[in-house]
Protein backbone atom coordinates (compact mmCIF):
# COMPACT_ATOMS: atom_id res chain seq x y z
CA UNK A 1 5.28 -33.55 -11.33
CA UNK A 2 2.24 -34.59 -13.42
CA UNK A 3 -1.07 -32.73 -13.24
CA UNK A 4 -2.77 -35.93 -12.03
CA UNK A 5 -0.32 -36.24 -9.11
CA UNK A 6 -0.84 -32.57 -8.21
CA UNK A 7 -4.61 -33.03 -8.21
CA UNK A 8 -4.36 -36.07 -5.91
CA UNK A 9 -2.16 -34.12 -3.51
CA UNK A 10 -4.63 -31.22 -3.49
CA UNK A 11 -7.54 -33.56 -2.69
CA UNK A 12 -5.57 -35.11 0.17
CA UNK A 13 -5.22 -31.60 1.62
CA UNK A 14 -8.98 -31.18 1.48
CA UNK A 15 -10.44 -34.48 2.71
CA UNK A 16 -13.62 -32.77 3.86
CA UNK A 17 -14.27 -31.32 0.39
CA UNK A 18 -13.55 -34.69 -1.22
CA UNK A 19 -15.98 -36.45 1.15
CA UNK A 20 -18.67 -33.82 0.57
CA UNK A 21 -18.22 -34.18 -3.21
CA UNK A 22 -18.64 -37.98 -3.01
CA UNK A 23 -21.80 -37.59 -0.92
CA UNK A 24 -23.29 -35.10 -3.36
CA UNK A 25 -22.45 -37.35 -6.30
CA UNK A 26 -24.34 -40.16 -4.57
CA UNK A 27 -27.42 -38.00 -4.03
CA UNK A 28 -28.34 -37.83 -7.72
CA UNK A 29 -31.90 -36.52 -8.31
CA UNK A 30 -31.92 -35.07 -4.80
CA UNK A 31 -29.53 -32.40 -6.05
CA UNK A 32 -32.39 -30.92 -8.06
CA UNK A 33 -34.50 -30.93 -4.89
CA UNK A 34 -31.79 -28.96 -3.11
CA UNK A 35 -31.59 -26.63 -6.14
CA UNK A 36 -35.33 -25.92 -6.01
CA UNK A 37 -35.28 -25.45 -2.25
CA UNK A 38 -31.99 -23.75 -1.31
CA UNK A 39 -32.10 -20.67 -3.48
CA UNK A 40 -31.99 -16.97 -2.76
CA UNK A 41 -35.55 -17.37 -1.45
CA UNK A 42 -34.21 -19.63 1.26
CA UNK A 43 -31.29 -17.28 1.94
CA UNK A 44 -33.69 -14.34 2.16
CA UNK A 45 -36.28 -16.04 4.38
CA UNK A 46 -33.71 -17.58 6.72
CA UNK A 47 -31.67 -14.38 6.97
CA UNK A 48 -34.74 -12.21 7.53
CA UNK A 49 -36.06 -14.62 10.18
CA UNK A 50 -32.69 -14.87 11.92
CA UNK A 51 -32.24 -11.10 12.00
CA UNK A 52 -35.76 -10.39 13.32
CA UNK A 53 -36.50 -13.41 15.54
CA UNK A 54 -33.13 -15.03 16.26
CA UNK A 55 -33.27 -18.83 16.26
CA UNK A 56 -36.96 -19.04 17.30
CA UNK A 57 -38.04 -20.52 13.97
CA UNK A 58 -35.61 -23.43 13.88
CA UNK A 59 -38.52 -25.69 14.82
CA UNK A 60 -40.49 -24.56 11.75
CA UNK A 61 -37.45 -25.29 9.58
CA UNK A 62 -37.10 -28.73 11.17
CA UNK A 63 -40.72 -29.69 10.48
CA UNK A 64 -40.59 -28.25 6.96
CA UNK A 65 -37.52 -30.35 6.13
CA UNK A 66 -39.02 -33.41 7.86
CA UNK A 67 -42.20 -33.18 5.79
CA UNK A 68 -40.15 -32.48 2.65
CA UNK A 69 -38.36 -35.78 3.27
CA UNK A 70 -41.70 -37.56 3.66
CA UNK A 71 -43.01 -36.09 0.40
CA UNK A 72 -39.81 -36.82 -1.54
CA UNK A 73 -39.90 -40.39 -0.26
CA UNK A 74 -43.58 -40.79 -1.25
CA UNK A 75 -43.20 -39.32 -4.74
CA UNK A 76 -39.93 -41.20 -5.25
CA UNK A 77 -41.40 -44.52 -4.10
CA UNK A 78 -44.41 -44.12 -6.40
CA UNK A 79 -42.12 -43.36 -9.35
CA UNK A 80 -39.74 -46.31 -9.01
CA UNK A 81 -42.44 -48.88 -8.19
CA UNK A 82 -44.95 -47.93 -10.87
CA UNK A 83 -42.64 -46.35 -13.45
CA UNK A 84 -45.11 -43.46 -13.71
CA UNK A 85 -44.72 -39.72 -13.17
CA UNK A 86 -46.75 -37.34 -11.00
CA UNK A 87 -48.61 -34.99 -13.36
CA UNK A 88 -49.38 -37.74 -15.89
CA UNK A 89 -50.76 -39.87 -13.04
CA UNK A 90 -52.89 -36.98 -11.78
CA UNK A 91 -54.29 -36.70 -15.31
CA UNK A 92 -55.01 -40.40 -15.89
CA UNK A 93 -55.78 -41.77 -12.41
CA UNK A 94 -58.02 -39.14 -10.82
CA UNK A 95 -61.62 -38.22 -11.41
CA UNK A 96 -61.48 -34.78 -13.03
CA UNK A 97 -57.79 -35.62 -13.43
CA UNK A 98 -57.18 -33.27 -16.37
CA UNK A 99 -58.43 -30.29 -14.37
CA UNK A 100 -56.38 -31.37 -11.31
CA UNK A 101 -53.19 -31.81 -13.38
CA UNK A 102 -53.58 -28.55 -15.32
CA UNK A 103 -54.28 -26.63 -12.10
CA UNK A 104 -51.12 -28.08 -10.53
CA UNK A 105 -49.05 -27.12 -13.61
CA UNK A 106 -50.39 -23.55 -13.66
CA UNK A 107 -49.99 -22.89 -9.93
CA UNK A 108 -46.52 -24.43 -9.65
CA UNK A 109 -45.20 -22.81 -12.85
CA UNK A 110 -46.50 -19.31 -12.10
CA UNK A 111 -45.19 -19.49 -8.56
CA UNK A 112 -41.75 -20.56 -9.74
CA UNK A 113 -41.58 -17.93 -12.47
CA UNK A 114 -42.36 -15.24 -9.89
CA UNK A 115 -39.65 -16.67 -7.64
CA UNK A 116 -37.20 -16.66 -10.54
CA UNK A 117 -37.49 -12.90 -10.91
CA UNK A 118 -36.54 -12.32 -7.27
CA UNK A 119 -33.72 -14.88 -7.52
CA UNK A 120 -32.16 -13.19 -10.55
CA UNK A 121 -32.52 -9.81 -8.87
CA UNK A 122 -30.69 -11.02 -5.74
CA UNK A 123 -28.01 -12.88 -7.71
CA UNK A 124 -27.20 -9.92 -9.97
CA UNK A 125 -27.18 -7.61 -6.93
CA UNK A 126 -24.76 -9.98 -5.16
CA UNK A 127 -22.39 -9.91 -8.16
CA UNK A 128 -22.60 -6.11 -8.34
CA UNK A 129 -21.93 -5.72 -4.62
CA UNK A 130 -18.93 -8.08 -4.88
CA UNK A 131 -17.51 -5.97 -7.75
CA UNK A 132 -18.20 -2.81 -5.76
CA UNK A 133 -16.42 -4.34 -2.77
CA UNK A 134 -13.30 -4.97 -4.84
CA UNK A 135 -13.56 -1.71 -6.78
CA UNK A 136 -15.28 0.99 -4.64
CA UNK A 137 -14.97 3.47 -7.53
CA UNK A 138 -17.49 1.47 -9.58
CA UNK A 139 -20.76 3.14 -10.58
CA UNK A 140 -22.61 4.09 -7.39
CA UNK A 141 -25.99 3.83 -9.15
CA UNK A 142 -26.61 0.08 -9.27
CA UNK A 143 -29.62 -0.01 -11.64
CA UNK A 144 -27.91 -0.35 -15.05
CA UNK A 145 -24.99 -2.56 -13.86
CA UNK A 146 -27.39 -4.91 -12.02
CA UNK A 147 -29.69 -5.10 -15.06
CA UNK A 148 -26.73 -5.86 -17.36
CA UNK A 149 -25.53 -8.61 -15.00
CA UNK A 150 -29.05 -10.07 -14.85
CA UNK A 151 -29.23 -10.22 -18.65
CA UNK A 152 -25.84 -11.98 -18.83
CA UNK A 153 -26.96 -14.53 -16.21
CA UNK A 154 -30.16 -15.30 -18.14
CA UNK A 155 -28.28 -15.68 -21.44
CA UNK A 156 -25.74 -18.05 -19.88
CA UNK A 157 -28.44 -20.17 -18.20
CA UNK A 158 -30.44 -20.34 -21.42
CA UNK A 159 -27.41 -21.51 -23.41
CA UNK A 160 -26.80 -24.30 -20.87
CA UNK A 161 -30.42 -25.41 -21.18
CA UNK A 162 -30.26 -25.21 -25.00
CA UNK A 163 -27.36 -27.64 -25.37
CA UNK A 164 -27.42 -29.53 -22.05
CA UNK A 165 -28.64 -32.92 -20.90
CA UNK A 166 -29.82 -34.15 -17.49
CA UNK A 167 -26.29 -35.36 -16.68
CA UNK A 168 -24.81 -31.91 -17.37
CA UNK A 169 -27.52 -30.15 -15.33
CA UNK A 170 -26.84 -32.47 -12.38
CA UNK A 171 -23.06 -31.85 -12.44
CA UNK A 172 -23.51 -28.06 -12.62
CA UNK A 173 -25.89 -28.15 -9.66
CA UNK A 174 -23.44 -30.26 -7.63
CA UNK A 175 -20.80 -27.55 -8.06
CA UNK A 176 -23.18 -24.74 -7.02
CA UNK A 177 -24.58 -26.68 -4.04
CA UNK A 178 -21.06 -27.52 -2.81
CA UNK A 179 -20.00 -23.86 -2.94
CA UNK A 180 -23.15 -22.52 -1.27
CA UNK A 181 -23.04 -25.17 1.45
CA UNK A 182 -19.41 -24.45 2.36
CA UNK A 183 -19.93 -20.66 2.17
CA UNK A 184 -22.82 -20.59 4.61
CA UNK A 185 -21.39 -23.18 7.00
CA UNK A 186 -18.13 -21.23 7.31
CA UNK A 187 -20.08 -17.97 7.76
CA UNK A 188 -22.15 -19.56 10.53
CA UNK A 189 -19.10 -20.58 12.56
CA UNK A 190 -17.77 -17.02 12.37
CA UNK A 191 -20.72 -15.67 14.39
CA UNK A 192 -22.08 -18.78 16.14
CA UNK A 193 -24.66 -17.92 18.87
CA UNK A 194 -24.66 -19.71 22.22
CA UNK A 195 -25.69 -23.40 22.23
CA UNK A 196 -28.54 -22.52 24.62
CA UNK A 197 -29.97 -20.04 22.10
CA UNK A 198 -29.83 -22.65 19.31
CA UNK A 199 -31.50 -25.34 21.44
CA UNK A 200 -34.35 -22.97 22.38
CA UNK A 201 -35.05 -22.52 18.68
CA UNK A 202 -36.32 -26.11 18.49
CA UNK A 203 -39.05 -25.44 21.08
CA UNK A 204 -42.29 -24.63 19.17
CA UNK A 205 -43.38 -21.04 19.73
CA UNK A 206 -44.77 -18.18 17.62
CA UNK A 207 -43.52 -14.68 18.53
CA UNK A 208 -46.36 -12.16 18.82
CA UNK A 209 -44.47 -9.67 16.71
CA UNK A 210 -45.30 -7.91 13.47
CA UNK A 211 -44.36 -9.94 10.40
CA UNK A 212 -43.92 -13.26 12.23
CA UNK A 213 -46.73 -14.98 10.31
CA UNK A 214 -45.45 -13.82 6.93
CA UNK A 215 -41.93 -15.04 7.69
CA UNK A 216 -43.28 -18.42 8.82
CA UNK A 217 -45.25 -18.76 5.57
CA UNK A 218 -42.22 -17.77 3.51
CA UNK A 219 -40.23 -20.40 5.41
CA UNK A 220 -42.59 -23.18 4.44
CA UNK A 221 -42.99 -21.86 0.90
CA UNK A 222 -39.28 -22.01 0.25
CA UNK A 223 -38.52 -25.27 2.12
CA UNK A 224 -41.55 -27.37 1.16
CA UNK A 225 -41.32 -26.26 -2.47
CA UNK A 226 -44.05 -27.92 -4.57
CA UNK A 227 -41.89 -28.45 -7.71
CA UNK A 228 -39.42 -30.39 -5.58
CA UNK A 229 -42.01 -33.15 -5.27
CA UNK A 230 -43.91 -33.17 -8.57
CA UNK A 231 -40.72 -33.07 -10.67
CA UNK A 232 -38.99 -35.80 -8.66
CA UNK A 233 -40.62 -38.77 -10.49
CA UNK A 234 -39.48 -37.29 -13.83
CA UNK A 235 -35.91 -37.02 -12.58
CA UNK A 236 -35.88 -40.57 -11.23
CA UNK A 237 -37.23 -41.85 -14.56
CA UNK A 238 -34.59 -39.89 -16.49
CA UNK A 239 -31.92 -41.30 -14.16
CA UNK A 240 -33.15 -44.81 -15.02
CA UNK A 241 -34.06 -45.77 -11.46
CA UNK A 242 -36.54 -48.63 -11.03
CA UNK A 243 -37.74 -50.85 -8.18
CA UNK A 244 -34.19 -52.25 -7.93
CA UNK A 245 -33.08 -48.78 -6.72
CA UNK A 246 -35.53 -48.81 -3.79
CA UNK A 247 -32.86 -48.34 -1.09
CA UNK A 248 -30.93 -45.82 -3.19
CA UNK A 249 -34.09 -43.74 -3.65
CA UNK A 250 -34.70 -43.70 0.11
CA UNK A 251 -31.10 -42.65 0.77
CA UNK A 252 -31.38 -39.95 -1.90
CA UNK A 253 -34.52 -38.40 -0.39
CA UNK A 254 -33.14 -38.48 3.18
CA UNK A 255 -29.75 -37.00 2.22
CA UNK A 256 -31.43 -34.26 0.22
CA UNK A 257 -33.69 -33.27 3.14
CA UNK A 258 -30.73 -33.40 5.54
CA UNK A 259 -28.70 -31.02 3.36
CA UNK A 260 -31.70 -28.69 3.15
CA UNK A 261 -31.89 -28.51 6.93
CA UNK A 262 -28.13 -28.07 7.49
CA UNK A 263 -27.66 -25.34 4.88
CA UNK A 264 -30.87 -23.43 5.68
CA UNK A 265 -30.21 -23.74 9.41
CA UNK A 266 -26.69 -22.39 9.03
CA UNK A 267 -28.05 -19.29 7.26
CA UNK A 268 -30.59 -18.59 10.00
CA UNK A 269 -28.10 -19.19 12.80
CA UNK A 270 -25.57 -16.95 11.04
CA UNK A 271 -28.14 -14.13 10.81
CA UNK A 272 -29.14 -14.63 14.45
CA UNK A 273 -25.54 -14.40 15.62
CA UNK A 274 -24.54 -11.46 13.44
CA UNK A 275 -27.70 -9.35 13.36
CA UNK A 276 -30.37 -10.33 15.93
CA UNK A 277 -27.95 -10.22 18.86
CA UNK A 278 -26.89 -6.72 17.72
CA UNK A 279 -30.41 -5.40 17.15
CA UNK A 280 -30.08 -5.13 13.36
CA UNK A 281 -32.38 -6.19 10.52
CA UNK A 282 -32.00 -6.89 6.79
CA UNK A 283 -33.18 -4.43 4.16
CA UNK A 284 -30.65 -4.93 1.35
CA UNK A 285 -28.42 -7.66 -0.08
CA UNK A 286 -25.29 -6.31 1.61
CA UNK A 287 -26.79 -5.98 5.11
CA UNK A 288 -26.19 -9.63 5.95
CA UNK A 289 -22.76 -9.80 4.34
CA UNK A 290 -21.55 -6.54 5.92
CA UNK A 291 -22.59 -7.75 9.37
CA UNK A 292 -19.87 -10.40 9.17
CA UNK A 293 -17.07 -7.93 8.40
CA UNK A 294 -16.26 -7.01 12.05
CA UNK A 295 -15.62 -10.71 12.74
CA UNK A 296 -13.55 -11.69 9.69
CA UNK A 297 -13.02 -8.60 7.55
CA UNK A 298 -13.93 -8.27 3.88
CA UNK A 299 -13.29 -11.99 3.40
CA UNK A 300 -16.51 -12.75 5.30
CA UNK A 301 -18.48 -10.27 3.22
CA UNK A 302 -17.19 -11.78 -0.02
CA UNK A 303 -17.81 -15.31 1.31
CA UNK A 304 -21.45 -14.63 2.07
CA UNK A 305 -21.98 -12.93 -1.30
CA UNK A 306 -20.50 -16.00 -3.02
CA UNK A 307 -22.99 -18.11 -1.07
CA UNK A 308 -25.90 -15.90 -2.20
CA UNK A 309 -24.72 -16.11 -5.82
CA UNK A 310 -24.33 -19.90 -5.68
CA UNK A 311 -27.77 -20.24 -4.11
CA UNK A 312 -29.27 -18.14 -6.88
CA UNK A 313 -27.58 -19.98 -9.72
CA UNK A 314 -28.38 -23.40 -8.21
CA UNK A 315 -32.08 -22.44 -8.27
CA UNK A 316 -32.19 -20.61 -11.59
CA UNK A 317 -31.46 -23.67 -13.73
CA UNK A 318 -34.12 -26.03 -12.31
CA UNK A 319 -36.75 -23.29 -11.99
CA UNK A 320 -36.40 -22.35 -15.66
CA UNK A 321 -37.11 -26.02 -16.47
CA UNK A 322 -40.27 -26.36 -14.35
CA UNK A 323 -43.01 -25.36 -16.81
CA UNK A 324 -41.77 -27.35 -19.86
CA UNK A 325 -41.00 -30.40 -17.71
CA UNK A 326 -44.47 -30.43 -16.15
CA UNK A 327 -46.15 -29.95 -19.54
CA UNK A 328 -44.10 -32.74 -21.11
CA UNK A 329 -45.01 -34.87 -18.08
CA UNK A 330 -48.70 -34.11 -18.72
CA UNK A 331 -48.44 -34.98 -22.42
CA UNK A 332 -45.96 -37.88 -22.46
CA UNK A 333 -45.08 -38.83 -18.89
CA UNK A 334 -41.36 -38.31 -19.48
CA UNK A 335 -38.62 -35.67 -19.41
CA UNK A 336 -38.03 -33.91 -22.76
CA UNK A 337 -35.28 -31.25 -22.94
CA UNK A 338 -34.56 -30.85 -26.67
CA UNK A 339 -38.05 -29.92 -27.90
CA UNK A 340 -39.33 -26.61 -29.29
CA UNK A 341 -41.71 -26.41 -26.31
CA UNK A 342 -38.85 -26.77 -23.81
CA UNK A 343 -36.72 -24.09 -25.48
CA UNK A 344 -39.66 -21.71 -25.96
CA UNK A 345 -40.87 -21.90 -22.35
CA UNK A 346 -37.36 -21.56 -20.92
CA UNK A 347 -37.03 -18.41 -23.06
CA UNK A 348 -40.25 -17.08 -21.50
CA UNK A 349 -38.80 -17.92 -18.08
CA UNK A 350 -35.70 -15.86 -18.96
CA UNK A 351 -37.88 -12.82 -19.65
CA UNK A 352 -39.80 -13.36 -16.41
CA UNK A 353 -36.49 -13.56 -14.57
CA UNK A 354 -35.62 -10.02 -15.68
CA UNK A 355 -38.79 -8.47 -14.23
CA UNK A 356 -37.37 -7.43 -10.83
CA UNK A 357 -34.06 -6.06 -12.27
CA UNK A 358 -35.97 -4.11 -14.97
CA UNK A 359 -38.42 -2.59 -12.46
CA UNK A 360 -35.63 -1.91 -9.95
CA UNK A 361 -37.69 -3.45 -7.12
CA UNK A 362 -36.02 -4.39 -3.82
CA UNK A 363 -35.20 -8.08 -4.52
CA UNK A 364 -35.48 -9.08 -0.84
CA UNK A 365 -39.10 -7.91 -0.54
CA UNK A 366 -39.96 -9.41 -3.93
CA UNK A 367 -38.43 -12.75 -2.94
CA UNK A 368 -40.32 -13.01 0.35
CA UNK A 369 -43.64 -12.14 -1.34
CA UNK A 370 -43.24 -14.86 -3.99
CA UNK A 371 -42.21 -17.47 -1.42
CA UNK A 372 -45.39 -16.85 0.59
CA UNK A 373 -47.48 -17.49 -2.54
CA UNK A 374 -45.93 -20.97 -2.83
CA UNK A 375 -47.63 -22.14 0.38
CA UNK A 376 -51.13 -22.20 -1.12
CA UNK A 377 -50.37 -24.93 -3.69
CA UNK A 378 -48.97 -27.35 -1.09
CA UNK A 379 -52.27 -28.96 0.07
CA UNK A 380 -53.02 -29.87 -3.56
CA UNK A 381 -49.63 -31.54 -4.05
CA UNK A 382 -49.73 -33.39 -0.71
CA UNK A 383 -53.30 -34.60 -1.24
CA UNK A 384 -52.42 -35.93 -4.68
CA UNK A 385 -49.59 -38.17 -3.52
CA UNK A 386 -51.62 -39.53 -0.58
CA UNK A 387 -54.02 -41.00 -3.13
CA UNK A 388 -51.32 -42.24 -5.53
CA UNK A 389 -49.03 -43.90 -2.98
CA UNK A 390 -51.97 -45.90 -1.60
CA UNK A 391 -53.33 -46.98 -5.00
CA UNK A 392 -53.42 -50.56 -6.29
CA UNK A 393 -50.56 -49.77 -8.67
CA UNK A 394 -48.19 -49.77 -5.68
CA UNK A 395 -48.90 -53.48 -5.04
CA UNK A 396 -46.80 -54.58 -2.05
CA UNK A 397 -45.19 -51.15 -1.60
CA UNK A 398 -48.20 -49.06 -0.63
CA UNK A 399 -47.69 -46.45 2.04
CA UNK A 400 -47.47 -48.06 5.47
CA UNK A 401 -48.43 -46.61 8.82
CA UNK A 402 -45.30 -44.43 9.12
CA UNK A 403 -45.43 -42.99 5.61
CA UNK A 404 -49.17 -42.34 5.72
CA UNK A 405 -48.89 -40.76 9.17
CA UNK A 406 -46.16 -38.47 7.81
CA UNK A 407 -48.25 -37.58 4.75
CA UNK A 408 -51.36 -36.81 6.82
CA UNK A 409 -49.26 -34.67 9.17
CA UNK A 410 -47.76 -32.91 6.11
CA UNK A 411 -51.25 -32.23 4.76
CA UNK A 412 -52.46 -30.78 8.07
CA UNK A 413 -49.25 -28.72 8.38
CA UNK A 414 -49.73 -27.32 4.84
CA UNK A 415 -53.34 -26.35 5.62
CA UNK A 416 -52.33 -24.62 8.87
CA UNK A 417 -49.52 -22.70 7.15
CA UNK A 418 -51.84 -21.70 4.28
CA UNK A 419 -54.31 -20.35 6.84
CA UNK A 420 -51.57 -18.46 8.69
CA UNK A 421 -50.29 -17.04 5.39
CA UNK A 422 -53.82 -15.90 4.43
CA UNK A 423 -54.41 -14.18 7.78
CA UNK A 424 -50.95 -12.58 7.74
CA UNK A 425 -51.40 -11.28 4.19
CA UNK A 426 -54.79 -9.85 5.11
CA UNK A 427 -53.33 -8.06 8.15
CA UNK A 428 -50.40 -6.78 6.10
CA UNK A 429 -52.61 -5.40 3.31
CA UNK A 430 -55.02 -3.76 5.78
CA UNK A 431 -52.09 -2.18 7.60
CA UNK A 432 -50.51 -0.90 4.39
CA UNK A 433 -53.78 0.42 2.93
CA UNK A 434 -55.22 2.02 6.07
């Protein structure tokens, strides 16, 4: 039997995987949006929320994904109609545009570099814990093995960025997103809470419990990720999409937001079913995975760790690209991946990514802290696209009532969450200091 025949037979046995693969292939630039959004930050925030508050924050996740869709649609529409990119437009179209664009670059890049360190820490810890699961006699002190794994991850990612093109980056991300999506969906069904508990999660409410505000802010910081929106026009331009791809762009943004909600929701629901209902919380990488073992043995633990690793790797690649992409956008208004600037800044990102493993900091706490910081840049990014999508350059495709209503709601939501994050951080620091 030929290899081609065997492959066809295998795909027939897995129609669901084949369908999922076709959908992801059709998403295109939205894959990068999923990569920026569904990383270990998302896994951490959703798992922590599910373990502490059950499904009560499903409504926050819903609104975050809804507004992410609105923002992806707005930035995508502006890009394909005008042929321009976000940062370059901030620079050339706004009064004090250079200051506005540079501020956006600095805030987004620093936030993502800080996130990268937590992501690499969680990913390397997940690999170590998987090895330790298979071989319990492995070194019980995780510091040096985790650091070595982190260095290997950074070297591999840097080599991909050194030789790769947009097409290669997109295919690699499709593989990682497929694996992480399947891993978390299967894990969710192993410990599925009652339908009543899930439905209640969509009713807006804020638990008056310690840490609720911080978790909410981390939620929004990881789901409404600023680079998801400002990098999108660059990706659409690199893909070659123009006004003729209007419907395809809309489908891409909706599918991307839908996948964000499904995957993130499955993580939270999984944590609620496995931990919250049993009165447990998450303090280390293995806590969530180990909670699944009574239901499905070591397979469940390994499955969740694979999901964490895939989430980390799917985020590492696009995050390492953020700073050079935004700077090349500022200078030229296009995506440049073979320049000295691109390779130098991705090397700096590699070093930043090793910070948490080198210091030996708890990657879960580090990840939540960096996700909260992401909230404060959101009003700037939302306000910018409200102006651009209603400019004369949009001609007959300016934002209508629905899009503008969604953007205004997104702006108000980002301000509210920034305020909640500020108050929660203040309370946390006062509590820790005094």
